[in-house]
N, C-alpha and C. Protein backbone atom coordinates (compact mmCIF):
# COMPACT_ATOMS: atom_id res chain seq x y z
N MET A 1 0.19 -3.07 6.67
CA MET A 1 0.59 -2.36 7.88
C MET A 1 1.88 -1.60 7.61
N THR A 2 2.05 -0.51 8.30
CA THR A 2 3.34 0.18 8.21
C THR A 2 4.41 -0.76 8.74
N GLY A 3 5.61 -0.63 8.21
CA GLY A 3 6.72 -1.47 8.62
C GLY A 3 6.90 -2.73 7.78
N MET A 4 5.96 -3.01 6.87
CA MET A 4 6.08 -4.20 6.02
C MET A 4 7.12 -3.98 4.93
N THR A 5 7.72 -5.06 4.48
CA THR A 5 8.64 -5.02 3.34
C THR A 5 7.85 -5.07 2.04
N ARG A 6 8.51 -4.84 0.93
CA ARG A 6 7.85 -4.93 -0.36
C ARG A 6 7.31 -6.34 -0.60
N GLU A 7 8.10 -7.33 -0.25
CA GLU A 7 7.67 -8.72 -0.42
C GLU A 7 6.41 -8.99 0.40
N GLN A 8 6.38 -8.55 1.64
CA GLN A 8 5.19 -8.74 2.48
C GLN A 8 3.98 -8.02 1.90
N ALA A 9 4.17 -6.82 1.36
CA ALA A 9 3.07 -6.07 0.77
C ALA A 9 2.51 -6.80 -0.45
N VAL A 10 3.38 -7.35 -1.29
CA VAL A 10 2.93 -8.10 -2.47
C VAL A 10 2.12 -9.31 -2.03
N ILE A 11 2.58 -10.01 -1.02
CA ILE A 11 1.84 -11.17 -0.52
C ILE A 11 0.48 -10.75 0.04
N ALA A 12 0.44 -9.62 0.75
CA ALA A 12 -0.79 -9.17 1.40
C ALA A 12 -1.81 -8.58 0.42
N VAL A 13 -1.36 -7.74 -0.52
CA VAL A 13 -2.31 -7.02 -1.38
C VAL A 13 -2.06 -7.21 -2.87
N GLY A 14 -1.02 -7.93 -3.24
CA GLY A 14 -0.73 -8.16 -4.65
C GLY A 14 0.15 -7.06 -5.24
N TYR A 15 0.50 -7.26 -6.49
CA TYR A 15 1.33 -6.29 -7.19
C TYR A 15 0.50 -5.07 -7.59
N PRO A 16 1.11 -3.88 -7.57
CA PRO A 16 0.39 -2.71 -8.08
C PRO A 16 0.31 -2.79 -9.60
N LEU A 17 -0.66 -2.09 -10.19
CA LEU A 17 -0.77 -2.04 -11.64
C LEU A 17 0.48 -1.39 -12.24
N THR A 18 1.04 -2.00 -13.28
CA THR A 18 2.25 -1.45 -13.88
C THR A 18 2.00 -0.10 -14.55
N SER A 19 0.76 0.18 -14.94
CA SER A 19 0.46 1.49 -15.53
C SER A 19 0.47 2.59 -14.47
N GLU A 20 0.28 2.23 -13.22
CA GLU A 20 0.27 3.20 -12.12
C GLU A 20 1.61 3.24 -11.39
N THR A 21 2.28 2.11 -11.34
CA THR A 21 3.56 1.98 -10.64
C THR A 21 4.51 1.22 -11.57
N PRO A 22 5.28 1.95 -12.38
CA PRO A 22 6.08 1.30 -13.41
C PRO A 22 7.17 0.35 -12.90
N THR A 23 7.67 0.58 -11.69
CA THR A 23 8.71 -0.28 -11.14
C THR A 23 8.45 -0.51 -9.65
N LEU A 24 8.82 -1.68 -9.17
CA LEU A 24 8.62 -1.99 -7.75
C LEU A 24 9.56 -1.19 -6.84
N ASP A 25 10.54 -0.53 -7.44
CA ASP A 25 11.44 0.33 -6.67
C ASP A 25 10.87 1.73 -6.48
N SER A 26 9.70 2.00 -7.04
CA SER A 26 9.07 3.31 -6.90
C SER A 26 8.83 3.63 -5.43
N PRO A 27 8.95 4.91 -5.04
CA PRO A 27 8.72 5.28 -3.64
C PRO A 27 7.24 5.27 -3.26
N ILE A 28 6.35 5.22 -4.25
CA ILE A 28 4.91 5.18 -4.00
C ILE A 28 4.30 4.11 -4.89
N TRP A 29 3.53 3.23 -4.29
CA TRP A 29 2.75 2.24 -5.05
C TRP A 29 1.29 2.64 -4.96
N ARG A 30 0.62 2.70 -6.12
CA ARG A 30 -0.82 3.00 -6.14
C ARG A 30 -1.59 1.71 -6.34
N HIS A 31 -2.56 1.50 -5.48
CA HIS A 31 -3.45 0.35 -5.55
C HIS A 31 -4.89 0.86 -5.59
N TRP A 32 -5.77 0.07 -6.18
CA TRP A 32 -7.18 0.46 -6.29
C TRP A 32 -8.06 -0.60 -5.63
N VAL A 33 -9.01 -0.14 -4.81
CA VAL A 33 -10.00 -1.02 -4.20
C VAL A 33 -11.16 -1.18 -5.17
N SER A 34 -11.49 -0.08 -5.86
CA SER A 34 -12.54 -0.06 -6.88
C SER A 34 -12.17 1.00 -7.90
N SER A 35 -13.04 1.24 -8.85
CA SER A 35 -12.75 2.24 -9.88
C SER A 35 -12.59 3.65 -9.31
N PHE A 36 -13.13 3.88 -8.12
CA PHE A 36 -13.12 5.22 -7.54
C PHE A 36 -12.35 5.32 -6.22
N GLU A 37 -11.87 4.20 -5.69
CA GLU A 37 -11.21 4.22 -4.38
C GLU A 37 -9.81 3.66 -4.50
N GLU A 38 -8.83 4.52 -4.21
CA GLU A 38 -7.44 4.10 -4.28
C GLU A 38 -6.77 4.28 -2.93
N TYR A 39 -5.64 3.63 -2.80
CA TYR A 39 -4.77 3.88 -1.66
C TYR A 39 -3.34 3.82 -2.16
N GLN A 40 -2.45 4.44 -1.43
CA GLN A 40 -1.06 4.48 -1.81
C GLN A 40 -0.19 3.96 -0.68
N LEU A 41 0.79 3.16 -1.04
CA LEU A 41 1.79 2.71 -0.08
C LEU A 41 3.02 3.58 -0.30
N LEU A 42 3.44 4.29 0.72
CA LEU A 42 4.60 5.17 0.64
C LEU A 42 5.76 4.48 1.34
N TRP A 43 6.85 4.34 0.61
CA TRP A 43 8.01 3.59 1.09
C TRP A 43 9.08 4.50 1.65
N GLY A 44 9.66 4.08 2.76
CA GLY A 44 10.77 4.81 3.37
C GLY A 44 12.08 4.41 2.73
N SER A 45 13.12 5.14 3.03
CA SER A 45 14.45 4.85 2.48
C SER A 45 14.98 3.50 2.98
N ASP A 46 14.40 2.99 4.05
CA ASP A 46 14.81 1.68 4.59
C ASP A 46 14.11 0.52 3.89
N GLY A 47 13.23 0.83 2.91
CA GLY A 47 12.54 -0.21 2.16
C GLY A 47 11.29 -0.74 2.83
N LEU A 48 10.83 -0.07 3.87
CA LEU A 48 9.63 -0.49 4.59
C LEU A 48 8.51 0.53 4.37
N ILE A 49 7.26 0.07 4.47
CA ILE A 49 6.13 0.99 4.33
C ILE A 49 6.19 1.99 5.48
N LYS A 50 6.25 3.28 5.13
CA LYS A 50 6.26 4.29 6.18
C LYS A 50 4.89 4.91 6.38
N GLU A 51 4.03 4.83 5.35
CA GLU A 51 2.69 5.40 5.46
C GLU A 51 1.76 4.76 4.45
N ILE A 52 0.50 4.65 4.81
CA ILE A 52 -0.54 4.20 3.90
C ILE A 52 -1.51 5.37 3.76
N SER A 53 -1.60 5.88 2.55
CA SER A 53 -2.42 7.06 2.29
C SER A 53 -3.73 6.65 1.63
N ALA A 54 -4.84 7.03 2.26
CA ALA A 54 -6.17 6.71 1.73
C ALA A 54 -7.21 7.48 2.53
N VAL A 55 -8.40 7.60 1.95
CA VAL A 55 -9.50 8.18 2.72
C VAL A 55 -9.83 7.20 3.86
N ASP A 56 -10.43 7.69 4.91
CA ASP A 56 -10.66 6.88 6.10
C ASP A 56 -11.43 5.59 5.83
N THR A 57 -12.45 5.65 4.99
CA THR A 57 -13.25 4.44 4.75
C THR A 57 -12.42 3.35 4.08
N VAL A 58 -11.57 3.74 3.15
CA VAL A 58 -10.70 2.75 2.48
C VAL A 58 -9.64 2.26 3.46
N LYS A 59 -9.02 3.17 4.16
CA LYS A 59 -7.96 2.80 5.10
C LYS A 59 -8.47 1.83 6.16
N ASN A 60 -9.67 2.07 6.68
CA ASN A 60 -10.25 1.18 7.68
C ASN A 60 -10.51 -0.21 7.12
N ALA A 61 -10.80 -0.29 5.83
CA ALA A 61 -11.09 -1.58 5.20
C ALA A 61 -9.83 -2.37 4.86
N ILE A 62 -8.71 -1.69 4.63
CA ILE A 62 -7.52 -2.41 4.13
C ILE A 62 -6.39 -2.57 5.14
N VAL A 63 -6.34 -1.73 6.15
CA VAL A 63 -5.22 -1.76 7.10
C VAL A 63 -5.58 -2.64 8.29
N TYR A 64 -4.71 -3.62 8.55
CA TYR A 64 -4.91 -4.48 9.72
C TYR A 64 -4.64 -3.69 10.98
N GLN A 65 -5.58 -3.75 11.91
CA GLN A 65 -5.41 -3.11 13.21
C GLN A 65 -5.76 -4.14 14.27
N PRO A 66 -4.75 -4.63 14.98
CA PRO A 66 -5.01 -5.66 15.98
C PRO A 66 -5.98 -5.16 17.06
N ALA A 67 -6.74 -6.08 17.61
CA ALA A 67 -7.70 -5.74 18.67
C ALA A 67 -6.95 -5.22 19.88
N ARG A 68 -7.57 -4.29 20.54
CA ARG A 68 -6.92 -3.71 21.74
C ARG A 68 -7.53 -4.26 22.98
């Protein structure tokens, strides 16, 4: 979810591949759902996730959205 810390993101989805994200201080973390489906966590200057970038099908599968 947006607003999560790096620690919370690691607990929720694991560490990004070091070949894709060389350091955890990177402003963008690349994660892969499959060989062809990726998503990116974009970090704000405050150290929180400001955006999750992915195609809709991937985003709907990975982003928690509480029931309304």
